[in-house]
Amino acid sequence: MDAWLTERFPNLNYRIAFDYAGEMNGLWMKASSSLGIPTSFVVDRDGHIAFSSTAAGEAPMKRKPPI
């Protein structure tokens, strides 16, 4: 993943995560009530989800879920 991102987006200045173990479903998708894939999350400095949205047109979440 790192080599692919570096080759295609050499000036990328934000983090990208990939879930190799499949833990995102329980820890993030269920916690944020997200149903669509792909889902984008903005995480605040305290590690809480500050915003999430999907490409599927799901309504954006603008609150912090209890995680």
PDB file of N, CA and C in Angstrom:
ATOM      1  N   MET A   1       0.819  -1.170   0.000  1.00  0.00           N
ATOM      2  CA  MET A   1       0.000   0.000   0.000  1.00  0.00           C
ATOM      3  C   MET A   1       0.874   1.248   0.000  1.00  0.00           C
ATOM      4  N   ASP A   2       1.925   1.269   0.817  1.00  0.00           N
ATOM      5  CA  ASP A   2       2.792   2.454   0.892  1.00  0.00           C
ATOM      6  C   ASP A   2       3.439   2.766  -0.448  1.00  0.00           C
ATOM      7  N   ALA A   3       3.955   1.752  -1.126  1.00  0.00           N
ATOM      8  CA  ALA A   3       4.607   1.968  -2.419  1.00  0.00           C
ATOM      9  C   ALA A   3       3.609   2.484  -3.447  1.00  0.00           C
ATOM     10  N   TRP A   4       2.414   1.937  -3.465  1.00  0.00           N
ATOM     11  CA  TRP A   4       1.383   2.363  -4.399  1.00  0.00           C
ATOM     12  C   TRP A   4       1.002   3.826  -4.162  1.00  0.00           C
ATOM     13  N   LEU A   5       0.781   4.190  -2.905  1.00  0.00           N
ATOM     14  CA  LEU A   5       0.431   5.574  -2.581  1.00  0.00           C
ATOM     15  C   LEU A   5       1.561   6.533  -2.937  1.00  0.00           C
ATOM     16  N   THR A   6       2.792   6.158  -2.617  1.00  0.00           N
ATOM     17  CA  THR A   6       3.940   7.016  -2.904  1.00  0.00           C
ATOM     18  C   THR A   6       4.092   7.237  -4.399  1.00  0.00           C
ATOM     19  N   GLU A   7       3.899   6.193  -5.173  1.00  0.00           N
ATOM     20  CA  GLU A   7       4.028   6.302  -6.626  1.00  0.00           C
ATOM     21  C   GLU A   7       2.937   7.184  -7.230  1.00  0.00           C
ATOM     22  N   ARG A   8       1.726   7.003  -6.793  1.00  0.00           N
ATOM     23  CA  ARG A   8       0.595   7.721  -7.390  1.00  0.00           C
ATOM     24  C   ARG A   8       0.327   9.093  -6.776  1.00  0.00           C
ATOM     25  N   PHE A   9       0.669   9.244  -5.497  1.00  0.00           N
ATOM     26  CA  PHE A   9       0.394  10.501  -4.782  1.00  0.00           C
ATOM     27  C   PHE A   9       1.629  10.921  -3.990  1.00  0.00           C
ATOM     28  N   PRO A  10       2.700  11.340  -4.663  1.00  0.00           N
ATOM     29  CA  PRO A  10       3.946  11.647  -3.965  1.00  0.00           C
ATOM     30  C   PRO A  10       3.839  12.823  -2.989  1.00  0.00           C
ATOM     31  N   ASN A  11       2.864  13.691  -3.150  1.00  0.00           N
ATOM     32  CA  ASN A  11       2.733  14.857  -2.267  1.00  0.00           C
ATOM     33  C   ASN A  11       1.577  14.738  -1.286  1.00  0.00           C
ATOM     34  N   LEU A  12       1.100  13.539  -1.056  1.00  0.00           N
ATOM     35  CA  LEU A  12      -0.012  13.310  -0.138  1.00  0.00           C
ATOM     36  C   LEU A  12       0.391  13.773   1.257  1.00  0.00           C
ATOM     37  N   ASN A  13      -0.420  14.617   1.873  1.00  0.00           N
ATOM     38  CA  ASN A  13      -0.036  15.156   3.182  1.00  0.00           C
ATOM     39  C   ASN A  13      -1.040  14.801   4.283  1.00  0.00           C
ATOM     40  N   TYR A  14      -1.728  13.671   4.133  1.00  0.00           N
ATOM     41  CA  TYR A  14      -2.596  13.179   5.190  1.00  0.00           C
ATOM     42  C   TYR A  14      -2.494  11.660   5.232  1.00  0.00           C
ATOM     43  N   ARG A  15      -2.925  11.080   6.333  1.00  0.00           N
ATOM     44  CA  ARG A  15      -2.776   9.642   6.532  1.00  0.00           C
ATOM     45  C   ARG A  15      -3.897   8.851   5.878  1.00  0.00           C
ATOM     46  N   ILE A  16      -3.545   7.703   5.362  1.00  0.00           N
ATOM     47  CA  ILE A  16      -4.478   6.744   4.781  1.00  0.00           C
ATOM     48  C   ILE A  16      -4.341   5.459   5.598  1.00  0.00           C
ATOM     49  N   ALA A  17      -5.461   4.844   5.938  1.00  0.00           N
ATOM     50  CA  ALA A  17      -5.415   3.600   6.700  1.00  0.00           C
ATOM     51  C   ALA A  17      -6.052   2.483   5.881  1.00  0.00           C
ATOM     52  N   PHE A  18      -5.517   1.289   6.035  1.00  0.00           N
ATOM     53  CA  PHE A  18      -6.073   0.097   5.395  1.00  0.00           C
ATOM     54  C   PHE A  18      -6.214  -0.975   6.461  1.00  0.00           C
ATOM     55  N   ASP A  19      -7.367  -1.591   6.530  1.00  0.00           N
ATOM     56  CA  ASP A  19      -7.664  -2.562   7.574  1.00  0.00           C
ATOM     57  C   ASP A  19      -7.391  -3.985   7.103  1.00  0.00           C
ATOM     58  N   TYR A  20      -6.190  -4.458   7.306  1.00  0.00           N
ATOM     59  CA  TYR A  20      -5.809  -5.809   6.892  1.00  0.00           C
ATOM     60  C   TYR A  20      -6.493  -6.876   7.740  1.00  0.00           C
ATOM     61  N   ALA A  21      -6.764  -6.574   9.007  1.00  0.00           N
ATOM     62  CA  ALA A  21      -7.323  -7.570   9.927  1.00  0.00           C
ATOM     63  C   ALA A  21      -8.845  -7.576   9.976  1.00  0.00           C
ATOM     64  N   GLY A  22      -9.505  -6.573   9.404  1.00  0.00           N
ATOM     65  CA  GLY A  22     -10.959  -6.522   9.418  1.00  0.00           C
ATOM     66  C   GLY A  22     -11.559  -5.990  10.706  1.00  0.00           C
ATOM     67  N   GLU A  23     -10.768  -5.302  11.525  1.00  0.00           N
ATOM     68  CA  GLU A  23     -11.259  -4.790  12.792  1.00  0.00           C
ATOM     69  C   GLU A  23     -12.091  -3.511  12.656  1.00  0.00           C
ATOM     70  N   MET A  24     -12.001  -2.851  11.517  1.00  0.00           N
ATOM     71  CA  MET A  24     -12.720  -1.587  11.321  1.00  0.00           C
ATOM     72  C   MET A  24     -14.230  -1.756  11.434  1.00  0.00           C
ATOM     73  N   ASN A  25     -14.755  -2.899  11.059  1.00  0.00           N
ATOM     74  CA  ASN A  25     -16.202  -3.090  11.096  1.00  0.00           C
ATOM     75  C   ASN A  25     -16.752  -2.851  12.496  1.00  0.00           C
ATOM     76  N   GLY A  26     -16.165  -3.462  13.492  1.00  0.00           N
ATOM     77  CA  GLY A  26     -16.665  -3.301  14.859  1.00  0.00           C
ATOM     78  C   GLY A  26     -16.234  -2.011  15.521  1.00  0.00           C
ATOM     79  N   LEU A  27     -14.966  -1.643  15.317  1.00  0.00           N
ATOM     80  CA  LEU A  27     -14.434  -0.491  16.026  1.00  0.00           C
ATOM     81  C   LEU A  27     -14.871   0.848  15.451  1.00  0.00           C
ATOM     82  N   TRP A  28     -15.094   0.907  14.139  1.00  0.00           N
ATOM     83  CA  TRP A  28     -15.426   2.189  13.511  1.00  0.00           C
ATOM     84  C   TRP A  28     -16.780   2.167  12.814  1.00  0.00           C
ATOM     85  N   MET A  29     -17.015   1.183  11.967  1.00  0.00           N
ATOM     86  CA  MET A  29     -18.244   1.165  11.171  1.00  0.00           C
ATOM     87  C   MET A  29     -19.478   1.065  12.074  1.00  0.00           C
ATOM     88  N   LYS A  30     -19.486   0.133  12.994  1.00  0.00           N
ATOM     89  CA  LYS A  30     -20.634  -0.005  13.897  1.00  0.00           C
ATOM     90  C   LYS A  30     -20.722   1.180  14.851  1.00  0.00           C
ATOM     91  N   ALA A  31     -19.585   1.637  15.358  1.00  0.00           N
ATOM     92  CA  ALA A  31     -19.580   2.755  16.313  1.00  0.00           C
ATOM     93  C   ALA A  31     -20.112   4.038  15.686  1.00  0.00           C
ATOM     94  N   SER A  32     -19.928   4.206  14.387  1.00  0.00           N
ATOM     95  CA  SER A  32     -20.388   5.426  13.719  1.00  0.00           C
ATOM     96  C   SER A  32     -21.699   5.220  12.972  1.00  0.00           C
ATOM     97  N   SER A  33     -22.281   4.036  13.100  1.00  0.00           N
ATOM     98  CA  SER A  33     -23.521   3.682  12.390  1.00  0.00           C
ATOM     99  C   SER A  33     -23.369   3.816  10.876  1.00  0.00           C
ATOM    100  N   SER A  34     -22.181   3.539  10.370  1.00  0.00           N
ATOM    101  CA  SER A  34     -21.919   3.626   8.929  1.00  0.00           C
ATOM    102  C   SER A  34     -22.293   2.322   8.257  1.00  0.00           C
ATOM    103  N   LEU A  35     -22.940   2.426   7.116  1.00  0.00           N
ATOM    104  CA  LEU A  35     -23.372   1.245   6.378  1.00  0.00           C
ATOM    105  C   LEU A  35     -22.674   1.102   5.038  1.00  0.00           C
ATOM    106  N   GLY A  36     -22.173   2.195   4.490  1.00  0.00           N
ATOM    107  CA  GLY A  36     -21.603   2.176   3.150  1.00  0.00           C
ATOM    108  C   GLY A  36     -20.099   2.051   3.116  1.00  0.00           C
ATOM    109  N   ILE A  37     -19.622   1.550   1.983  1.00  0.00           N
ATOM    110  CA  ILE A  37     -18.185   1.451   1.736  1.00  0.00           C
ATOM    111  C   ILE A  37     -17.934   2.099   0.388  1.00  0.00           C
ATOM    112  N   PRO A  38     -16.959   2.954   0.233  1.00  0.00           N
ATOM    113  CA  PRO A  38     -15.983   3.351   1.252  1.00  0.00           C
ATOM    114  C   PRO A  38     -16.565   4.394   2.197  1.00  0.00           C
ATOM    115  N   THR A  39     -16.057   4.409   3.400  1.00  0.00           N
ATOM    116  CA  THR A  39     -16.426   5.406   4.395  1.00  0.00           C
ATOM    117  C   THR A  39     -15.174   6.178   4.773  1.00  0.00           C
ATOM    118  N   SER A  40     -15.310   7.484   4.842  1.00  0.00           N
ATOM    119  CA  SER A  40     -14.210   8.357   5.253  1.00  0.00           C
ATOM    120  C   SER A  40     -14.483   8.855   6.663  1.00  0.00           C
ATOM    121  N   PHE A  41     -13.438   8.883   7.477  1.00  0.00           N
ATOM    122  CA  PHE A  41     -13.549   9.364   8.854  1.00  0.00           C
ATOM    123  C   PHE A  41     -12.556  10.493   9.066  1.00  0.00           C
ATOM    124  N   VAL A  42     -12.986  11.511   9.813  1.00  0.00           N
ATOM    125  CA  VAL A  42     -12.072  12.532  10.319  1.00  0.00           C
ATOM    126  C   VAL A  42     -11.993  12.286  11.813  1.00  0.00           C
ATOM    127  N   VAL A  43     -10.773  12.092  12.312  1.00  0.00           N
ATOM    128  CA  VAL A  43     -10.561  11.767  13.707  1.00  0.00           C
ATOM    129  C   VAL A  43      -9.941  12.980  14.396  1.00  0.00           C
ATOM    130  N   ASP A  44     -10.519  13.388  15.537  1.00  0.00           N
ATOM    131  CA  ASP A  44      -9.985  14.559  16.231  1.00  0.00           C
ATOM    132  C   ASP A  44      -8.727  14.189  17.011  1.00  0.00           C
ATOM    133  N   ARG A  45      -8.135  15.171  17.645  1.00  0.00           N
ATOM    134  CA  ARG A  45      -6.868  14.961  18.367  1.00  0.00           C
ATOM    135  C   ARG A  45      -6.998  14.026  19.553  1.00  0.00           C
ATOM    136  N   ASP A  46      -8.240  13.851  20.051  1.00  0.00           N
ATOM    137  CA  ASP A  46      -8.466  12.948  21.176  1.00  0.00           C
ATOM    138  C   ASP A  46      -8.754  11.521  20.724  1.00  0.00           C
ATOM    139  N   GLY A  47      -8.760  11.296  19.389  1.00  0.00           N
ATOM    140  CA  GLY A  47      -9.002   9.966  18.855  1.00  0.00           C
ATOM    141  C   GLY A  47     -10.467   9.638  18.644  1.00  0.00           C
ATOM    142  N   HIS A  48     -11.345  10.638  18.716  1.00  0.00           N
ATOM    143  CA  HIS A  48     -12.769  10.420  18.492  1.00  0.00           C
ATOM    144  C   HIS A  48     -13.138  10.760  17.054  1.00  0.00           C
ATOM    145  N   ILE A  49     -14.156  10.078  16.543  1.00  0.00           N
ATOM    146  CA  ILE A  49     -14.650  10.376  15.204  1.00  0.00           C
ATOM    147  C   ILE A  49     -15.348  11.732  15.253  1.00  0.00           C
ATOM    148  N   ALA A  50     -14.840  12.698  14.497  1.00  0.00           N
ATOM    149  CA  ALA A  50     -15.439  14.025  14.450  1.00  0.00           C
ATOM    150  C   ALA A  50     -16.394  14.151  13.278  1.00  0.00           C
ATOM    151  N   PHE A  51     -16.193  13.344  12.234  1.00  0.00           N
ATOM    152  CA  PHE A  51     -17.020  13.415  11.028  1.00  0.00           C
ATOM    153  C   PHE A  51     -16.837  12.122  10.262  1.00  0.00           C
ATOM    154  N   SER A  52     -17.911  11.631   9.647  1.00  0.00           N
ATOM    155  CA  SER A  52     -17.785  10.490   8.744  1.00  0.00           C
ATOM    156  C   SER A  52     -18.762  10.657   7.603  1.00  0.00           C
ATOM    157  N   SER A  53     -18.416  10.096   6.456  1.00  0.00           N
ATOM    158  CA  SER A  53     -19.261  10.185   5.272  1.00  0.00           C
ATOM    159  C   SER A  53     -18.915   9.034   4.336  1.00  0.00           C
ATOM    160  N   THR A  54     -19.889   8.641   3.525  1.00  0.00           N
ATOM    161  CA  THR A  54     -19.640   7.587   2.548  1.00  0.00           C
ATOM    162  C   THR A  54     -19.834   8.118   1.141  1.00  0.00           C
ATOM    163  N   ALA A  55     -19.277   7.411   0.197  1.00  0.00           N
ATOM    164  CA  ALA A  55     -19.462   7.763  -1.211  1.00  0.00           C
ATOM    165  C   ALA A  55     -20.839   7.340  -1.693  1.00  0.00           C
ATOM    166  N   ALA A  56     -21.546   6.550  -0.899  1.00  0.00           N
ATOM    167  CA  ALA A  56     -22.857   6.029  -1.292  1.00  0.00           C
ATOM    168  C   ALA A  56     -23.984   7.027  -1.053  1.00  0.00           C
ATOM    169  N   GLY A  57     -23.669   8.215  -0.563  1.00  0.00           N
ATOM    170  CA  GLY A  57     -24.685   9.222  -0.343  1.00  0.00           C
ATOM    171  C   GLY A  57     -25.345   9.152   1.019  1.00  0.00           C
ATOM    172  N   GLU A  58     -24.810   8.347   1.895  1.00  0.00           N
ATOM    173  CA  GLU A  58     -25.309   8.264   3.258  1.00  0.00           C
ATOM    174  C   GLU A  58     -25.152   9.634   3.921  1.00  0.00           C
ATOM    175  N   ALA A  59     -26.098  10.023   4.737  1.00  0.00           N
ATOM    176  CA  ALA A  59     -26.018  11.321   5.411  1.00  0.00           C
ATOM    177  C   ALA A  59     -24.766  11.396   6.276  1.00  0.00           C
ATOM    178  N   PRO A  60     -23.988  12.479   6.189  1.00  0.00           N
ATOM    179  CA  PRO A  60     -22.783  12.608   7.004  1.00  0.00           C
ATOM    180  C   PRO A  60     -23.110  12.641   8.477  1.00  0.00           C
ATOM    181  N   MET A  61     -22.235  12.054   9.281  1.00  0.00           N
ATOM    182  CA  MET A  61     -22.365  12.081  10.730  1.00  0.00           C
ATOM    183  C   MET A  61     -21.477  13.196  11.237  1.00  0.00           C
ATOM    184  N   LYS A  62     -22.037  14.106  12.009  1.00  0.00           N
ATOM    185  CA  LYS A  62     -21.254  15.232  12.502  1.00  0.00           C
ATOM    186  C   LYS A  62     -21.145  15.228  14.025  1.00  0.00           C
ATOM    187  N   ARG A  63     -21.500  14.151  14.652  1.00  0.00           N
ATOM    188  CA  ARG A  63     -21.412  14.072  16.108  1.00  0.00           C
ATOM    189  C   ARG A  63     -20.368  13.026  16.482  1.00  0.00           C
ATOM    190  N   LYS A  64     -19.974  13.043  17.723  1.00  0.00           N
ATOM    191  CA  LYS A  64     -19.028  12.043  18.194  1.00  0.00           C
ATOM    192  C   LYS A  64     -19.810  10.881  18.776  1.00  0.00           C
ATOM    193  N   PRO A  65     -19.680   9.686  18.217  1.00  0.00           N
ATOM    194  CA  PRO A  65     -20.382   8.525  18.776  1.00  0.00           C
ATOM    195  C   PRO A  65     -19.681   8.041  20.030  1.00  0.00           C
ATOM    196  N   PRO A  66     -20.376   7.329  20.877  1.00  0.00           N
ATOM    197  CA  PRO A  66     -19.742   6.780  22.089  1.00  0.00           C
ATOM    198  C   PRO A  66     -18.875   5.582  21.748  1.00  0.00           C
ATOM    199  N   ILE A  67     -17.576   5.802  21.577  1.00  0.00           N
ATOM    200  CA  ILE A  67     -16.674   4.690  21.277  1.00  0.00           C
ATOM    201  C   ILE A  67     -15.658   4.511  22.367  1.00  0.00           C
TER     202      ILE A  67
END
